[in-house]
């Protein structure tokens, strides 16, 4: 699941539209710690390997999402034969 969160934050539409001046100001590492964008949800927190939390952005130019909070959690499963 941790790989999914990296994918979600960098390769999907969630990471494509970003303010150029902000990224130039804070750099890539700064952006990873405090990202901003142009979508219906705003960044709340990211605990690598644990969870990513987003909340509905009331100022979104379209309709505010009906789902007010999204939490993507890593759920690790043990494969048969793997150590605990």
Foldseek 3Di string as FASTA:
>chain_A
DLVVVVCCCPPDPVPDAADPVVCVVLPPVRCVQAPDGQDQWHWDDDDRQAKTKIAGDVPRPDDTDPPGMDIDGDDDDDDPPDDD
